[in-house]
Amino acid sequence: MKHLFFMVLLGLTVFNCSHAQEGWQPIGELQDGKEVLTADKAELLRAYNQNLQRFSGVNGEFTDVRIETGAQGAYALVFSSKACKSTLLVEQADDGTVLRANGTISCNTADCTHENGI
């Protein structure tokens, strides 16, 4: 499982490796208080689906990715399909506007896939 998370991280570096900092990759920003995904959505989906299949044998068939806000200002990068959801932790960078994801740990579930929120 640790290898899967490492490979997801490598997949995230494809779209923006120049700003890597301790496993955190920029994926969005806050604009007027709202989270906006700035990373290439198609590339995120391609890399995440490919890495999940390759390293865990799970075919998530994720078709959507977005940043969601949860309780107490927490953020998550949420990959979703008809069958499951997978989330990665997102945090604000030190500048307060850049949102970055940590691809080393994900949470996957087939329960409550139609629920909103993280």
PDB file of N, CA and C in Angstrom:
ATOM      1  N   MET A   1       0.816  -1.183   0.000  1.00  0.00           N
ATOM      2  CA  MET A   1       0.000   0.000   0.000  1.00  0.00           C
ATOM      3  C   MET A   1       0.868   1.258   0.000  1.00  0.00           C
ATOM      4  N   LYS A   2       2.018   1.212   0.698  1.00  0.00           N
ATOM      5  CA  LYS A   2       2.902   2.369   0.694  1.00  0.00           C
ATOM      6  C   LYS A   2       3.404   2.663  -0.708  1.00  0.00           C
ATOM      7  N   HIS A   3       3.605   1.612  -1.502  1.00  0.00           N
ATOM      8  CA  HIS A   3       4.064   1.814  -2.869  1.00  0.00           C
ATOM      9  C   HIS A   3       2.995   2.515  -3.694  1.00  0.00           C
ATOM     10  N   LEU A   4       1.734   2.185  -3.466  1.00  0.00           N
ATOM     11  CA  LEU A   4       0.638   2.839  -4.174  1.00  0.00           C
ATOM     12  C   LEU A   4       0.650   4.335  -3.897  1.00  0.00           C
ATOM     13  N   PHE A   5       0.772   4.701  -2.641  1.00  0.00           N
ATOM     14  CA  PHE A   5       0.736   6.110  -2.291  1.00  0.00           C
ATOM     15  C   PHE A   5       1.935   6.851  -2.874  1.00  0.00           C
ATOM     16  N   PHE A   6       3.079   6.203  -2.884  1.00  0.00           N
ATOM     17  CA  PHE A   6       4.251   6.811  -3.474  1.00  0.00           C
ATOM     18  C   PHE A   6       4.050   7.040  -4.969  1.00  0.00           C
ATOM     19  N   MET A   7       3.440   6.077  -5.639  1.00  0.00           N
ATOM     20  CA  MET A   7       3.226   6.206  -7.079  1.00  0.00           C
ATOM     21  C   MET A   7       2.183   7.273  -7.386  1.00  0.00           C
ATOM     22  N   VAL A   8       1.182   7.423  -6.529  1.00  0.00           N
ATOM     23  CA  VAL A   8       0.213   8.500  -6.707  1.00  0.00           C
ATOM     24  C   VAL A   8       0.931   9.839  -6.610  1.00  0.00           C
ATOM     25  N   LEU A   9       1.821   9.941  -5.658  1.00  0.00           N
ATOM     26  CA  LEU A   9       2.604  11.159  -5.520  1.00  0.00           C
ATOM     27  C   LEU A   9       3.402  11.424  -6.784  1.00  0.00           C
ATOM     28  N   LEU A  10       4.026  10.391  -7.325  1.00  0.00           N
ATOM     29  CA  LEU A  10       4.771  10.565  -8.567  1.00  0.00           C
ATOM     30  C   LEU A  10       3.862  11.004  -9.703  1.00  0.00           C
ATOM     31  N   GLY A  11       2.656  10.465  -9.725  1.00  0.00           N
ATOM     32  CA  GLY A  11       1.688  10.874 -10.749  1.00  0.00           C
ATOM     33  C   GLY A  11       1.333  12.339 -10.629  1.00  0.00           C
ATOM     34  N   LEU A  12       1.213  12.822  -9.406  1.00  0.00           N
ATOM     35  CA  LEU A  12       0.904  14.230  -9.213  1.00  0.00           C
ATOM     36  C   LEU A  12       2.052  15.124  -9.659  1.00  0.00           C
ATOM     37  N   THR A  13       3.281  14.632  -9.580  1.00  0.00           N
ATOM     38  CA  THR A  13       4.417  15.453  -9.983  1.00  0.00           C
ATOM     39  C   THR A  13       4.443  15.681 -11.486  1.00  0.00           C
ATOM     40  N   VAL A  14       3.741  14.871 -12.234  1.00  0.00           N
ATOM     41  CA  VAL A  14       3.710  15.029 -13.689  1.00  0.00           C
ATOM     42  C   VAL A  14       3.211  16.413 -14.065  1.00  0.00           C
ATOM     43  N   PHE A  15       2.193  16.903 -13.373  1.00  0.00           N
ATOM     44  CA  PHE A  15       1.602  18.171 -13.784  1.00  0.00           C
ATOM     45  C   PHE A  15       2.265  19.383 -13.173  1.00  0.00           C
ATOM     46  N   ASN A  16       3.072  19.226 -12.128  1.00  0.00           N
ATOM     47  CA  ASN A  16       3.725  20.401 -11.570  1.00  0.00           C
ATOM     48  C   ASN A  16       4.818  19.992 -10.594  1.00  0.00           C
ATOM     49  N   CYS A  17       5.964  19.630 -11.112  1.00  0.00           N
ATOM     50  CA  CYS A  17       7.025  19.171 -10.223  1.00  0.00           C
ATOM     51  C   CYS A  17       7.956  20.290  -9.811  1.00  0.00           C
ATOM     52  N   SER A  18       7.863  21.443 -10.430  1.00  0.00           N
ATOM     53  CA  SER A  18       8.808  22.501 -10.124  1.00  0.00           C
ATOM     54  C   SER A  18       8.566  23.143  -8.761  1.00  0.00           C
ATOM     55  N   HIS A  19       7.385  22.943  -8.183  1.00  0.00           N
ATOM     56  CA  HIS A  19       7.080  23.544  -6.894  1.00  0.00           C
ATOM     57  C   HIS A  19       6.949  22.498  -5.787  1.00  0.00           C
ATOM     58  N   ALA A  20       7.533  21.342  -6.001  1.00  0.00           N
ATOM     59  CA  ALA A  20       7.415  20.268  -5.011  1.00  0.00           C
ATOM     60  C   ALA A  20       8.061  20.687  -3.700  1.00  0.00           C
ATOM     61  N   GLN A  21       7.374  20.399  -2.601  1.00  0.00           N
ATOM     62  CA  GLN A  21       7.915  20.693  -1.288  1.00  0.00           C
ATOM     63  C   GLN A  21       7.439  19.620  -0.327  1.00  0.00           C
ATOM     64  N   GLU A  22       8.340  18.719   0.039  1.00  0.00           N
ATOM     65  CA  GLU A  22       8.046  17.667   0.991  1.00  0.00           C
ATOM     66  C   GLU A  22       6.796  16.864   0.620  1.00  0.00           C
ATOM     67  N   GLY A  23       6.612  16.506  -0.654  1.00  0.00           N
ATOM     68  CA  GLY A  23       5.485  15.682  -1.080  1.00  0.00           C
ATOM     69  C   GLY A  23       4.224  16.449  -1.412  1.00  0.00           C
ATOM     70  N   TRP A  24       4.198  17.727  -1.192  1.00  0.00           N
ATOM     71  CA  TRP A  24       3.015  18.547  -1.472  1.00  0.00           C
ATOM     72  C   TRP A  24       3.128  19.145  -2.867  1.00  0.00           C
ATOM     73  N   GLN A  25       2.046  19.003  -3.647  1.00  0.00           N
ATOM     74  CA  GLN A  25       2.023  19.496  -5.019  1.00  0.00           C
ATOM     75  C   GLN A  25       0.900  20.512  -5.185  1.00  0.00           C
ATOM     76  N   PRO A  26       1.176  21.687  -5.756  1.00  0.00           N
ATOM     77  CA  PRO A  26       0.119  22.674  -5.980  1.00  0.00           C
ATOM     78  C   PRO A  26      -0.940  22.117  -6.934  1.00  0.00           C
ATOM     79  N   ILE A  27      -2.198  22.228  -6.563  1.00  0.00           N
ATOM     80  CA  ILE A  27      -3.288  21.733  -7.417  1.00  0.00           C
ATOM     81  C   ILE A  27      -4.389  22.770  -7.588  1.00  0.00           C
ATOM     82  N   GLY A  28      -4.336  23.842  -6.831  1.00  0.00           N
ATOM     83  CA  GLY A  28      -5.388  24.849  -6.931  1.00  0.00           C
ATOM     84  C   GLY A  28      -5.047  26.081  -6.140  1.00  0.00           C
ATOM     85  N   GLU A  29      -6.042  26.954  -6.032  1.00  0.00           N
ATOM     86  CA  GLU A  29      -5.851  28.177  -5.259  1.00  0.00           C
ATOM     87  C   GLU A  29      -7.196  28.681  -4.762  1.00  0.00           C
ATOM     88  N   LEU A  30      -7.114  29.557  -3.790  1.00  0.00           N
ATOM     89  CA  LEU A  30      -8.314  30.208  -3.286  1.00  0.00           C
ATOM     90  C   LEU A  30      -8.494  31.512  -4.054  1.00  0.00           C
ATOM     91  N   GLN A  31      -9.661  31.673  -4.637  1.00  0.00           N
ATOM     92  CA  GLN A  31      -9.998  32.887  -5.379  1.00  0.00           C
ATOM     93  C   GLN A  31     -11.303  33.418  -4.811  1.00  0.00           C
ATOM     94  N   ASP A  32     -11.232  34.588  -4.201  1.00  0.00           N
ATOM     95  CA  ASP A  32     -12.395  35.190  -3.546  1.00  0.00           C
ATOM     96  C   ASP A  32     -13.020  34.236  -2.530  1.00  0.00           C
ATOM     97  N   GLY A  33     -12.172  33.529  -1.784  1.00  0.00           N
ATOM     98  CA  GLY A  33     -12.631  32.625  -0.749  1.00  0.00           C
ATOM     99  C   GLY A  33     -13.149  31.288  -1.230  1.00  0.00           C
ATOM    100  N   LYS A  34     -13.089  31.023  -2.530  1.00  0.00           N
ATOM    101  CA  LYS A  34     -13.580  29.764  -3.082  1.00  0.00           C
ATOM    102  C   LYS A  34     -12.411  28.974  -3.666  1.00  0.00           C
ATOM    103  N   GLU A  35     -12.419  27.651  -3.419  1.00  0.00           N
ATOM    104  CA  GLU A  35     -11.352  26.798  -3.927  1.00  0.00           C
ATOM    105  C   GLU A  35     -11.540  26.569  -5.430  1.00  0.00           C
ATOM    106  N   VAL A  36     -10.438  26.707  -6.176  1.00  0.00           N
ATOM    107  CA  VAL A  36     -10.459  26.547  -7.631  1.00  0.00           C
ATOM    108  C   VAL A  36      -9.350  25.584  -8.019  1.00  0.00           C
ATOM    109  N   LEU A  37      -9.709  24.537  -8.746  1.00  0.00           N
ATOM    110  CA  LEU A  37      -8.730  23.579  -9.246  1.00  0.00           C
ATOM    111  C   LEU A  37      -8.002  24.212 -10.423  1.00  0.00           C
ATOM    112  N   THR A  38      -6.686  24.356 -10.311  1.00  0.00           N
ATOM    113  CA  THR A  38      -5.900  24.961 -11.390  1.00  0.00           C
ATOM    114  C   THR A  38      -5.045  23.934 -12.122  1.00  0.00           C
ATOM    115  N   ALA A  39      -4.876  22.766 -11.555  1.00  0.00           N
ATOM    116  CA  ALA A  39      -4.122  21.701 -12.218  1.00  0.00           C
ATOM    117  C   ALA A  39      -4.945  21.161 -13.379  1.00  0.00           C
ATOM    118  N   ASP A  40      -4.277  20.545 -14.320  1.00  0.00           N
ATOM    119  CA  ASP A  40      -4.938  19.959 -15.480  1.00  0.00           C
ATOM    120  C   ASP A  40      -5.794  18.777 -15.039  1.00  0.00           C
ATOM    121  N   LYS A  41      -7.100  18.951 -15.100  1.00  0.00           N
ATOM    122  CA  LYS A  41      -8.042  17.936 -14.617  1.00  0.00           C
ATOM    123  C   LYS A  41      -7.881  16.609 -15.363  1.00  0.00           C
ATOM    124  N   ALA A  42      -7.758  16.667 -16.664  1.00  0.00           N
ATOM    125  CA  ALA A  42      -7.605  15.439 -17.459  1.00  0.00           C
ATOM    126  C   ALA A  42      -6.327  14.700 -17.080  1.00  0.00           C
ATOM    127  N   GLU A  43      -5.248  15.436 -16.844  1.00  0.00           N
ATOM    128  CA  GLU A  43      -3.977  14.811 -16.471  1.00  0.00           C
ATOM    129  C   GLU A  43      -4.053  14.206 -15.074  1.00  0.00           C
ATOM    130  N   LEU A  44      -4.705  14.898 -14.139  1.00  0.00           N
ATOM    131  CA  LEU A  44      -4.885  14.339 -12.802  1.00  0.00           C
ATOM    132  C   LEU A  44      -5.645  13.018 -12.872  1.00  0.00           C
ATOM    133  N   LEU A  45      -6.744  12.996 -13.609  1.00  0.00           N
ATOM    134  CA  LEU A  45      -7.554  11.782 -13.734  1.00  0.00           C
ATOM    135  C   LEU A  45      -6.769  10.652 -14.392  1.00  0.00           C
ATOM    136  N   ARG A  46      -6.058  10.971 -15.457  1.00  0.00           N
ATOM    137  CA  ARG A  46      -5.282   9.961 -16.166  1.00  0.00           C
ATOM    138  C   ARG A  46      -4.229   9.353 -15.250  1.00  0.00           C
ATOM    139  N   ALA A  47      -3.459  10.206 -14.593  1.00  0.00           N
ATOM    140  CA  ALA A  47      -2.372   9.724 -13.739  1.00  0.00           C
ATOM    141  C   ALA A  47      -2.908   8.944 -12.546  1.00  0.00           C
ATOM    142  N   TYR A  48      -3.967   9.436 -11.920  1.00  0.00           N
ATOM    143  CA  TYR A  48      -4.499   8.758 -10.733  1.00  0.00           C
ATOM    144  C   TYR A  48      -5.083   7.398 -11.098  1.00  0.00           C
ATOM    145  N   ASN A  49      -5.891   7.341 -12.156  1.00  0.00           N
ATOM    146  CA  ASN A  49      -6.456   6.064 -12.604  1.00  0.00           C
ATOM    147  C   ASN A  49      -5.351   5.070 -12.963  1.00  0.00           C
ATOM    148  N   GLN A  50      -4.365   5.533 -13.704  1.00  0.00           N
ATOM    149  CA  GLN A  50      -3.273   4.669 -14.145  1.00  0.00           C
ATOM    150  C   GLN A  50      -2.471   4.152 -12.953  1.00  0.00           C
ATOM    151  N   ASN A  51      -2.110   5.019 -12.030  1.00  0.00           N
ATOM    152  CA  ASN A  51      -1.300   4.604 -10.884  1.00  0.00           C
ATOM    153  C   ASN A  51      -2.072   3.687  -9.945  1.00  0.00           C
ATOM    154  N   LEU A  52      -3.337   3.970  -9.726  1.00  0.00           N
ATOM    155  CA  LEU A  52      -4.144   3.113  -8.863  1.00  0.00           C
ATOM    156  C   LEU A  52      -4.264   1.709  -9.458  1.00  0.00           C
ATOM    157  N   GLN A  53      -4.490   1.642 -10.759  1.00  0.00           N
ATOM    158  CA  GLN A  53      -4.590   0.337 -11.434  1.00  0.00           C
ATOM    159  C   GLN A  53      -3.252  -0.396 -11.412  1.00  0.00           C
ATOM    160  N   ARG A  54      -2.198   0.304 -11.726  1.00  0.00           N
ATOM    161  CA  ARG A  54      -0.880  -0.314 -11.839  1.00  0.00           C
ATOM    162  C   ARG A  54      -0.368  -0.848 -10.511  1.00  0.00           C
ATOM    163  N   PHE A  55      -0.535  -0.081  -9.447  1.00  0.00           N
ATOM    164  CA  PHE A  55       0.118  -0.444  -8.198  1.00  0.00           C
ATOM    165  C   PHE A  55      -0.784  -1.104  -7.165  1.00  0.00           C
ATOM    166  N   SER A  56      -2.092  -1.062  -7.375  1.00  0.00           N
ATOM    167  CA  SER A  56      -2.964  -1.735  -6.409  1.00  0.00           C
ATOM    168  C   SER A  56      -3.929  -2.700  -7.079  1.00  0.00           C
ATOM    169  N   GLY A  57      -3.981  -2.661  -8.409  1.00  0.00           N
ATOM    170  CA  GLY A  57      -4.907  -3.521  -9.124  1.00  0.00           C
ATOM    171  C   GLY A  57      -6.344  -3.033  -9.068  1.00  0.00           C
ATOM    172  N   VAL A  58      -6.564  -1.824  -8.544  1.00  0.00           N
ATOM    173  CA  VAL A  58      -7.905  -1.254  -8.439  1.00  0.00           C
ATOM    174  C   VAL A  58      -8.188  -0.410  -9.672  1.00  0.00           C
ATOM    175  N   ASN A  59      -9.282  -0.739 -10.349  1.00  0.00           N
ATOM    176  CA  ASN A  59      -9.707   0.051 -11.498  1.00  0.00           C
ATOM    177  C   ASN A  59     -10.821   0.975 -11.032  1.00  0.00           C
ATOM    178  N   GLY A  60     -10.434   2.153 -10.523  1.00  0.00           N
ATOM    179  CA  GLY A  60     -11.403   3.100  -9.979  1.00  0.00           C
ATOM    180  C   GLY A  60     -12.287   3.743 -11.022  1.00  0.00           C
ATOM    181  N   GLU A  61     -11.804   3.790 -12.257  1.00  0.00           N
ATOM    182  CA  GLU A  61     -12.531   4.440 -13.354  1.00  0.00           C
ATOM    183  C   GLU A  61     -13.050   5.811 -12.940  1.00  0.00           C
ATOM    184  N   PHE A  62     -12.196   6.608 -12.298  1.00  0.00           N
ATOM    185  CA  PHE A  62     -12.578   7.937 -11.861  1.00  0.00           C
ATOM    186  C   PHE A  62     -12.819   8.835 -13.062  1.00  0.00           C
ATOM    187  N   THR A  63     -13.899   9.577 -13.022  1.00  0.00           N
ATOM    188  CA  THR A  63     -14.290  10.445 -14.130  1.00  0.00           C
ATOM    189  C   THR A  63     -14.366  11.909 -13.736  1.00  0.00           C
ATOM    190  N   ASP A  64     -14.209  12.200 -12.438  1.00  0.00           N
ATOM    191  CA  ASP A  64     -14.292  13.584 -11.988  1.00  0.00           C
ATOM    192  C   ASP A  64     -13.286  13.806 -10.865  1.00  0.00           C
ATOM    193  N   VAL A  65     -12.755  15.003 -10.800  1.00  0.00           N
ATOM    194  CA  VAL A  65     -11.865  15.396  -9.716  1.00  0.00           C
ATOM    195  C   VAL A  65     -12.169  16.850  -9.379  1.00  0.00           C
ATOM    196  N   ARG A  66     -12.216  17.132  -8.077  1.00  0.00           N
ATOM    197  CA  ARG A  66     -12.506  18.488  -7.632  1.00  0.00           C
ATOM    198  C   ARG A  66     -11.922  18.674  -6.232  1.00  0.00           C
ATOM    199  N   ILE A  67     -11.832  19.932  -5.822  1.00  0.00           N
ATOM    200  CA  ILE A  67     -11.425  20.252  -4.465  1.00  0.00           C
ATOM    201  C   ILE A  67     -12.708  20.508  -3.680  1.00  0.00           C
ATOM    202  N   GLU A  68     -12.824  19.861  -2.518  1.00  0.00           N
ATOM    203  CA  GLU A  68     -13.990  20.061  -1.666  1.00  0.00           C
ATOM    204  C   GLU A  68     -13.552  20.630  -0.323  1.00  0.00           C
ATOM    205  N   THR A  69     -14.440  21.446   0.246  1.00  0.00           N
ATOM    206  CA  THR A  69     -14.219  21.991   1.572  1.00  0.00           C
ATOM    207  C   THR A  69     -15.041  21.203   2.562  1.00  0.00           C
ATOM    208  N   GLY A  70     -14.412  20.830   3.645  1.00  0.00           N
ATOM    209  CA  GLY A  70     -15.107  20.072   4.685  1.00  0.00           C
ATOM    210  C   GLY A  70     -15.233  20.874   5.957  1.00  0.00           C
ATOM    211  N   ALA A  71     -15.469  20.185   7.034  1.00  0.00           N
ATOM    212  CA  ALA A  71     -15.626  20.809   8.344  1.00  0.00           C
ATOM    213  C   ALA A  71     -14.340  21.505   8.771  1.00  0.00           C
ATOM    214  N   GLN A  72     -14.488  22.580   9.469  1.00  0.00           N
ATOM    215  CA  GLN A  72     -13.380  23.324  10.060  1.00  0.00           C
ATOM    216  C   GLN A  72     -12.347  23.772   9.034  1.00  0.00           C
ATOM    217  N   GLY A  73     -12.788  24.066   7.816  1.00  0.00           N
ATOM    218  CA  GLY A  73     -11.899  24.587   6.793  1.00  0.00           C
ATOM    219  C   GLY A  73     -10.955  23.589   6.165  1.00  0.00           C
ATOM    220  N   ALA A  74     -11.173  22.305   6.389  1.00  0.00           N
ATOM    221  CA  ALA A  74     -10.323  21.285   5.775  1.00  0.00           C
ATOM    222  C   ALA A  74     -10.667  21.155   4.295  1.00  0.00           C
ATOM    223  N   TYR A  75      -9.672  20.824   3.490  1.00  0.00           N
ATOM    224  CA  TYR A  75      -9.860  20.630   2.062  1.00  0.00           C
ATOM    225  C   TYR A  75      -9.435  19.214   1.682  1.00  0.00           C
ATOM    226  N   ALA A  76     -10.014  18.715   0.583  1.00  0.00           N
ATOM    227  CA  ALA A  76      -9.618  17.417   0.042  1.00  0.00           C
ATOM    228  C   ALA A  76      -9.706  17.467  -1.477  1.00  0.00           C
ATOM    229  N   LEU A  77      -8.810  16.756  -2.134  1.00  0.00           N
ATOM    230  CA  LEU A  77      -8.890  16.542  -3.569  1.00  0.00           C
ATOM    231  C   LEU A  77      -9.661  15.246  -3.735  1.00  0.00           C
ATOM    232  N   VAL A  78     -10.839  15.325  -4.343  1.00  0.00           N
ATOM    233  CA  VAL A  78     -11.747  14.183  -4.401  1.00  0.00           C
ATOM    234  C   VAL A  78     -11.858  13.672  -5.833  1.00  0.00           C
ATOM    235  N   PHE A  79     -11.474  12.410  -6.014  1.00  0.00           N
ATOM    236  CA  PHE A  79     -11.652  11.717  -7.285  1.00  0.00           C
ATOM    237  C   PHE A  79     -12.916  10.883  -7.132  1.00  0.00           C
ATOM    238  N   SER A  80     -13.804  10.908  -8.126  1.00  0.00           N
ATOM    239  CA  SER A  80     -15.038  10.133  -7.981  1.00  0.00           C
ATOM    240  C   SER A  80     -15.412   9.431  -9.281  1.00  0.00           C
ATOM    241  N   SER A  81     -16.143   8.327  -9.089  1.00  0.00           N
ATOM    242  CA  SER A  81     -16.715   7.561 -10.188  1.00  0.00           C
ATOM    243  C   SER A  81     -18.090   7.105  -9.724  1.00  0.00           C
ATOM    244  N   LYS A  82     -18.770   6.332 -10.535  1.00  0.00           N
ATOM    245  CA  LYS A  82     -20.073   5.805 -10.123  1.00  0.00           C
ATOM    246  C   LYS A  82     -19.929   4.844  -8.956  1.00  0.00           C
ATOM    247  N   ALA A  83     -18.795   4.145  -8.878  1.00  0.00           N
ATOM    248  CA  ALA A  83     -18.627   3.084  -7.883  1.00  0.00           C
ATOM    249  C   ALA A  83     -17.890   3.502  -6.620  1.00  0.00           C
ATOM    250  N   CYS A  84     -17.020   4.505  -6.699  1.00  0.00           N
ATOM    251  CA  CYS A  84     -16.226   4.834  -5.512  1.00  0.00           C
ATOM    252  C   CYS A  84     -15.716   6.262  -5.529  1.00  0.00           C
ATOM    253  N   LYS A  85     -15.170   6.662  -4.377  1.00  0.00           N
ATOM    254  CA  LYS A  85     -14.512   7.948  -4.208  1.00  0.00           C
ATOM    255  C   LYS A  85     -13.144   7.704  -3.599  1.00  0.00           C
ATOM    256  N   SER A  86     -12.227   8.584  -3.925  1.00  0.00           N
ATOM    257  CA  SER A  86     -10.898   8.539  -3.352  1.00  0.00           C
ATOM    258  C   SER A  86     -10.489   9.972  -3.049  1.00  0.00           C
ATOM    259  N   THR A  87      -9.946  10.210  -1.865  1.00  0.00           N
ATOM    260  CA  THR A  87      -9.581  11.571  -1.480  1.00  0.00           C
ATOM    261  C   THR A  87      -8.121  11.658  -1.073  1.00  0.00           C
ATOM    262  N   LEU A  88      -7.553  12.814  -1.344  1.00  0.00           N
ATOM    263  CA  LEU A  88      -6.204  13.156  -0.910  1.00  0.00           C
ATOM    264  C   LEU A  88      -6.291  14.421  -0.068  1.00  0.00           C
ATOM    265  N   LEU A  89      -5.484  14.505   0.958  1.00  0.00           N
ATOM    266  CA  LEU A  89      -5.450  15.673   1.815  1.00  0.00           C
ATOM    267  C   LEU A  89      -4.954  16.886   1.039  1.00  0.00           C
ATOM    268  N   VAL A  90      -5.598  18.030   1.273  1.00  0.00           N
ATOM    269  CA  VAL A  90      -5.194  19.301   0.662  1.00  0.00           C
ATOM    270  C   VAL A  90      -4.996  20.309   1.789  1.00  0.00           C
ATOM    271  N   GLU A  91      -3.966  21.130   1.650  1.00  0.00           N
ATOM    272  CA  GLU A  91      -3.728  22.182   2.632  1.00  0.00           C
ATOM    273  C   GLU A  91      -3.397  23.484   1.924  1.00  0.00           C
ATOM    274  N   GLN A  92      -3.521  24.573   2.670  1.00  0.00           N
ATOM    275  CA  GLN A  92      -3.107  25.871   2.148  1.00  0.00           C
ATOM    276  C   GLN A  92      -1.607  25.999   2.317  1.00  0.00           C
ATOM    277  N   ALA A  93      -0.949  26.502   1.294  1.00  0.00           N
ATOM    278  CA  ALA A  93       0.483  26.771   1.385  1.00  0.00           C
ATOM    279  C   ALA A  93       0.685  27.988   2.285  1.00  0.00           C
ATOM    280  N   ASP A  94       1.924  28.270   2.611  1.00  0.00           N
ATOM    281  CA  ASP A  94       2.238  29.367   3.514  1.00  0.00           C
ATOM    282  C   ASP A  94       1.724  30.718   3.032  1.00  0.00           C
ATOM    283  N   ASP A  95       1.576  30.892   1.721  1.00  0.00           N
ATOM    284  CA  ASP A  95       1.099  32.176   1.209  1.00  0.00           C
ATOM    285  C   ASP A  95      -0.405  32.369   1.419  1.00  0.00           C
ATOM    286  N   GLY A  96      -1.117  31.307   1.825  1.00  0.00           N
ATOM    287  CA  GLY A  96      -2.539  31.409   2.134  1.00  0.00           C
ATOM    288  C   GLY A  96      -3.474  31.312   0.950  1.00  0.00           C
ATOM    289  N   THR A  97      -2.950  31.283  -0.274  1.00  0.00           N
ATOM    290  CA  THR A  97      -3.830  31.196  -1.437  1.00  0.00           C
ATOM    291  C   THR A  97      -3.646  29.912  -2.233  1.00  0.00           C
ATOM    292  N   VAL A  98      -2.434  29.388  -2.274  1.00  0.00           N
ATOM    293  CA  VAL A  98      -2.171  28.165  -3.031  1.00  0.00           C
ATOM    294  C   VAL A  98      -2.666  26.964  -2.237  1.00  0.00           C
ATOM    295  N   LEU A  99      -3.387  26.069  -2.916  1.00  0.00           N
ATOM    296  CA  LEU A  99      -3.829  24.811  -2.325  1.00  0.00           C
ATOM    297  C   LEU A  99      -2.959  23.708  -2.901  1.00  0.00           C
ATOM    298  N   ARG A 100      -2.480  22.836  -2.031  1.00  0.00           N
ATOM    299  CA  ARG A 100      -1.604  21.775  -2.488  1.00  0.00           C
ATOM    300  C   ARG A 100      -2.050  20.452  -1.877  1.00  0.00           C
ATOM    301  N   ALA A 101      -1.849  19.399  -2.668  1.00  0.00           N
ATOM    302  CA  ALA A 101      -2.271  18.058  -2.252  1.00  0.00           C
ATOM    303  C   ALA A 101      -1.058  17.230  -1.886  1.00  0.00           C
ATOM    304  N   ASN A 102      -1.270  16.322  -0.945  1.00  0.00           N
ATOM    305  CA  ASN A 102      -0.235  15.380  -0.562  1.00  0.00           C
ATOM    306  C   ASN A 102      -0.656  14.016  -1.097  1.00  0.00           C
ATOM    307  N   GLY A 103       0.072  13.525  -2.067  1.00  0.00           N
ATOM    308  CA  GLY A 103      -0.276  12.268  -2.713  1.00  0.00           C
ATOM    309  C   GLY A 103       0.224  11.037  -2.016  1.00  0.00           C
ATOM    310  N   THR A 104       0.700  11.159  -0.779  1.00  0.00           N
ATOM    311  CA  THR A 104       1.255  10.000  -0.095  1.00  0.00           C
ATOM    312  C   THR A 104       0.208   9.175   0.642  1.00  0.00           C
ATOM    313  N   ILE A 105      -0.943   9.766   0.962  1.00  0.00           N
ATOM    314  CA  ILE A 105      -1.995   9.029   1.662  1.00  0.00           C
ATOM    315  C   ILE A 105      -3.332   9.342   1.013  1.00  0.00           C
ATOM    316  N   SER A 106      -4.075   8.298   0.679  1.00  0.00           N
ATOM    317  CA  SER A 106      -5.419   8.508   0.145  1.00  0.00           C
ATOM    318  C   SER A 106      -6.402   7.659   0.930  1.00  0.00           C
ATOM    319  N   CYS A 107      -7.653   8.061   0.850  1.00  0.00           N
ATOM    320  CA  CYS A 107      -8.723   7.311   1.487  1.00  0.00           C
ATOM    321  C   CYS A 107      -9.694   6.918   0.379  1.00  0.00           C
ATOM    322  N   ASN A 108      -9.977   5.633   0.268  1.00  0.00           N
ATOM    323  CA  ASN A 108     -10.844   5.130  -0.798  1.00  0.00           C
ATOM    324  C   ASN A 108     -12.066   4.458  -0.190  1.00  0.00           C
ATOM    325  N   THR A 109     -13.232   4.700  -0.795  1.00  0.00           N
ATOM    326  CA  THR A 109     -14.441   4.066  -0.300  1.00  0.00           C
ATOM    327  C   THR A 109     -15.455   3.849  -1.410  1.00  0.00           C
ATOM    328  N   ALA A 110     -16.218   2.796  -1.261  1.00  0.00           N
ATOM    329  CA  ALA A 110     -17.359   2.555  -2.131  1.00  0.00           C
ATOM    330  C   ALA A 110     -18.645   2.891  -1.383  1.00  0.00           C
ATOM    331  N   ASP A 111     -18.518   3.181  -0.084  1.00  0.00           N
ATOM    332  CA  ASP A 111     -19.672   3.583   0.735  1.00  0.00           C
ATOM    333  C   ASP A 111     -19.943   5.063   0.531  1.00  0.00           C
ATOM    334  N   CYS A 112     -21.196   5.434   0.520  1.00  0.00           N
ATOM    335  CA  CYS A 112     -21.594   6.850   0.492  1.00  0.00           C
ATOM    336  C   CYS A 112     -21.011   7.594  -0.703  1.00  0.00           C
ATOM    337  N   THR A 113     -20.917   6.968  -1.851  1.00  0.00           N
ATOM    338  CA  THR A 113     -20.305   7.641  -2.996  1.00  0.00           C
ATOM    339  C   THR A 113     -21.143   8.794  -3.508  1.00  0.00           C
ATOM    340  N   HIS A 114     -22.400   8.842  -3.155  1.00  0.00           N
ATOM    341  CA  HIS A 114     -23.253   9.921  -3.645  1.00  0.00           C
ATOM    342  C   HIS A 114     -23.408  11.042  -2.619  1.00  0.00           C
ATOM    343  N   GLU A 115     -22.710  10.927  -1.496  1.00  0.00           N
ATOM    344  CA  GLU A 115     -22.764  11.969  -0.470  1.00  0.00           C
ATOM    345  C   GLU A 115     -21.832  13.118  -0.867  1.00  0.00           C
ATOM    346  N   ASN A 116     -22.233  14.322  -0.568  1.00  0.00           N
ATOM    347  CA  ASN A 116     -21.367  15.483  -0.777  1.00  0.00           C
ATOM    348  C   ASN A 116     -20.521  15.691   0.459  1.00  0.00           C
ATOM    349  N   GLY A 117     -19.423  16.386   0.308  1.00  0.00           N
ATOM    350  CA  GLY A 117     -18.576  16.710   1.446  1.00  0.00           C
ATOM    351  C   GLY A 117     -17.488  15.673   1.655  1.00  0.00           C
ATOM    352  N   ILE A 118     -16.575  16.027   2.545  1.00  0.00           N
ATOM    353  CA  ILE A 118     -15.445  15.142   2.816  1.00  0.00           C
ATOM    354  C   ILE A 118     -15.512  14.600   4.213  1.00  0.00           C
TER     355      ILE A 118
END
